[in-house]
C-alpha cells in the first residue's frame, strides 16, 4: 500500500502541476509565472511526500533511495511542465 501511495504522489504531482500551469497560463498569459507556480506546487507536493516517506520507512537505504526518487521526479516533472507550458502557450497564440 505504501508503494501505491509513493508512486501515486508522483503521478498526482505531475497531473496537478500540468493542470494548474495550464489554467494559470490561460488566465494570466504569462508563461514564466505559470511555470514558477507549477514548479512550486510540484516542490510542495513531492517535498511533503519526501518527509512522509522518510518518517514512515524504517530502513535507511530505502529512506535515501525514496527521497532521491522524489528529487529526480521533481526535476523531471519540472522539465515536463516547462515544455508543456511553452508548447501550450505557442498553440494558444496561433488561434
C-alpha atoms as a PDB file:
ATOM      1  CA  UNK A   1       0.000   0.000   0.000  1.00  0.00           C
ATOM      2  CA  UNK A   2       2.886   2.360   0.760  1.00  0.00           C
ATOM      3  CA  UNK A   3       4.300   1.857  -2.723  1.00  0.00           C
ATOM      4  CA  UNK A   4       0.976   2.761  -4.303  1.00  0.00           C
ATOM      5  CA  UNK A   5       0.927   5.979  -2.295  1.00  0.00           C
ATOM      6  CA  UNK A   6       4.629   6.568  -3.072  1.00  0.00           C
ATOM      7  CA  UNK A   7       4.209   6.386  -6.852  1.00  0.00           C
ATOM      8  CA  UNK A   8       0.698   7.838  -6.707  1.00  0.00           C
ATOM      9  CA  UNK A   9       2.109  11.064  -5.281  1.00  0.00           C
ATOM     10  CA  UNK A  10       4.443  11.342  -8.266  1.00  0.00           C
ATOM     11  CA  UNK A  11       1.577  10.901 -10.731  1.00  0.00           C
ATOM     12  CA  UNK A  12      -0.638  13.256  -8.706  1.00  0.00           C
ATOM     13  CA  UNK A  13       2.108  15.892  -8.686  1.00  0.00           C
ATOM     14  CA  UNK A  14       2.587  15.607 -12.446  1.00  0.00           C
ATOM     15  CA  UNK A  15      -1.101  15.861 -13.298  1.00  0.00           C
ATOM     16  CA  UNK A  16      -1.900  18.609 -10.803  1.00  0.00           C
ATOM     17  CA  UNK A  17       1.064  20.792 -11.801  1.00  0.00           C
ATOM     18  CA  UNK A  18       0.218  20.420 -15.504  1.00  0.00           C
ATOM     19  CA  UNK A  19      -3.416  21.330 -14.912  1.00  0.00           C
ATOM     20  CA  UNK A  20      -2.549  24.212 -12.594  1.00  0.00           C
ATOM     21  CA  UNK A  21       0.073  25.575 -15.019  1.00  0.00           C
ATOM     22  CA  UNK A  22      -2.339  25.342 -17.961  1.00  0.00           C
ATOM     23  CA  UNK A  23      -5.114  27.119 -16.060  1.00  0.00           C
ATOM     24  CA  UNK A  24      -2.747  29.796 -14.797  1.00  0.00           C
ATOM     25  CA  UNK A  25      -1.421  30.388 -18.308  1.00  0.00           C
ATOM     26  CA  UNK A  26      -4.978  30.640 -19.624  1.00  0.00           C
ATOM     27  CA  UNK A  27      -5.856  33.275 -17.001  1.00  0.00           C
ATOM     28  CA  UNK A  28      -2.649  35.359 -16.932  1.00  0.00           C
ATOM     29  CA  UNK A  29      -0.964  34.798 -20.334  1.00  0.00           C
ATOM     30  CA  UNK A  30       2.470  34.820 -18.633  1.00  0.00           C
ATOM     31  CA  UNK A  31       4.314  31.541 -19.270  1.00  0.00           C
ATOM     32  CA  UNK A  32       7.193  32.199 -16.863  1.00  0.00           C
ATOM     33  CA  UNK A  33       4.829  32.896 -13.977  1.00  0.00           C
ATOM     34  CA  UNK A  34       2.795  29.792 -14.794  1.00  0.00           C
ATOM     35  CA  UNK A  35       5.975  27.676 -14.812  1.00  0.00           C
ATOM     36  CA  UNK A  36       7.109  29.077 -11.467  1.00  0.00           C
ATOM     37  CA  UNK A  37       3.735  28.390  -9.856  1.00  0.00           C
ATOM     38  CA  UNK A  38       3.619  24.843 -11.273  1.00  0.00           C
ATOM     39  CA  UNK A  39       7.189  24.272 -10.069  1.00  0.00           C
ATOM     40  CA  UNK A  40       6.335  25.452  -6.559  1.00  0.00           C
ATOM     41  CA  UNK A  41       3.277  23.194  -6.470  1.00  0.00           C
ATOM     42  CA  UNK A  42       5.438  20.285  -7.582  1.00  0.00           C
ATOM     43  CA  UNK A  43       8.066  21.006  -4.913  1.00  0.00           C
ATOM     44  CA  UNK A  44       5.457  21.271  -2.152  1.00  0.00           C
ATOM     45  CA  UNK A  45       3.682  18.013  -3.051  1.00  0.00           C
ATOM     46  CA  UNK A  46       6.816  15.950  -3.513  1.00  0.00           C
ATOM     47  CA  UNK A  47       8.614  17.679  -0.642  1.00  0.00           C
ATOM     48  CA  UNK A  48       5.844  16.667   1.728  1.00  0.00           C
ATOM     49  CA  UNK A  49       5.933  13.207   0.156  1.00  0.00           C
ATOM     50  CA  UNK A  50       9.670  13.011   0.859  1.00  0.00           C
ATOM     51  CA  UNK A  51       9.115  13.909   4.503  1.00  0.00           C
ATOM     52  CA  UNK A  52       6.328  11.314   4.761  1.00  0.00           C
ATOM     53  CA  UNK A  53       8.499   8.619   3.159  1.00  0.00           C
ATOM     54  CA  UNK A  54      11.484   9.449   5.366  1.00  0.00           C
ATOM     55  CA  UNK A  55       9.387   9.277   8.539  1.00  0.00           C
ATOM     56  CA  UNK A  56       7.438   6.111   7.706  1.00  0.00           C
ATOM     57  CA  UNK A  57      10.177   3.974   6.152  1.00  0.00           C
ATOM     58  CA  UNK A  58      12.344   2.131   8.673  1.00  0.00           C
ATOM     59  CA  UNK A  59      15.316   1.099   6.512  1.00  0.00           C
ATOM     60  CA  UNK A  60      17.943   3.787   5.953  1.00  0.00           C
ATOM     61  CA  UNK A  61      18.705   2.691   2.389  1.00  0.00           C
ATOM     62  CA  UNK A  62      15.008   2.793   1.467  1.00  0.00           C
ATOM     63  CA  UNK A  63      14.686   6.230   3.025  1.00  0.00           C
ATOM     64  CA  UNK A  64      17.571   7.594   0.979  1.00  0.00           C
ATOM     65  CA  UNK A  65      16.523   5.970  -2.278  1.00  0.00           C
ATOM     66  CA  UNK A  66      12.908   7.111  -1.858  1.00  0.00           C
ATOM     67  CA  UNK A  67      13.925  10.707  -1.249  1.00  0.00           C
ATOM     68  CA  UNK A  68      16.295  10.578  -4.244  1.00  0.00           C
ATOM     69  CA  UNK A  69      13.475   9.232  -6.437  1.00  0.00           C
ATOM     70  CA  UNK A  70      11.271  12.118  -5.312  1.00  0.00           C
ATOM     71  CA  UNK A  71      14.068  14.601  -6.039  1.00  0.00           C
ATOM     72  CA  UNK A  72      14.546  13.115  -9.513  1.00  0.00           C
ATOM     73  CA  UNK A  73      10.799  13.306 -10.018  1.00  0.00           C
ATOM     74  CA  UNK A  74      10.818  16.989  -9.096  1.00  0.00           C
ATOM     75  CA  UNK A  75      13.439  17.645 -11.753  1.00  0.00           C
ATOM     76  CA  UNK A  76      11.696  15.508 -14.382  1.00  0.00           C
ATOM     77  CA  UNK A  77       8.234  16.919 -13.746  1.00  0.00           C
ATOM     78  CA  UNK A  78       9.636  20.457 -13.803  1.00  0.00           C
ATOM     79  CA  UNK A  79      11.112  19.843 -17.255  1.00  0.00           C
ATOM     80  CA  UNK A  80       7.818  18.344 -18.448  1.00  0.00           C
ATOM     81  CA  UNK A  81       5.964  21.388 -17.059  1.00  0.00           C
ATOM     82  CA  UNK A  82       8.274  23.817 -18.852  1.00  0.00           C
ATOM     83  CA  UNK A  83       7.936  22.084 -22.207  1.00  0.00           C
ATOM     84  CA  UNK A  84       4.159  21.644 -21.822  1.00  0.00           C
ATOM     85  CA  UNK A  85       3.514  25.268 -20.857  1.00  0.00           C
ATOM     86  CA  UNK A  86       5.690  26.694 -23.634  1.00  0.00           C
ATOM     87  CA  UNK A  87       4.038  24.437 -26.218  1.00  0.00           C
ATOM     88  CA  UNK A  88       0.586  25.287 -24.854  1.00  0.00           C
ATOM     89  CA  UNK A  89       1.478  28.989 -24.959  1.00  0.00           C
ATOM     90  CA  UNK A  90       2.609  28.665 -28.581  1.00  0.00           C
ATOM     91  CA  UNK A  91      -0.591  26.864 -29.566  1.00  0.00           C
ATOM     92  CA  UNK A  92      -2.731  29.443 -27.798  1.00  0.00           C
ATOM     93  CA  UNK A  93      -1.064  32.277 -29.703  1.00  0.00           C
ATOM     94  CA  UNK A  94      -1.738  30.767 -33.124  1.00  0.00           C
ATOM     95  CA  UNK A  95      -5.507  30.543 -32.514  1.00  0.00           C
END
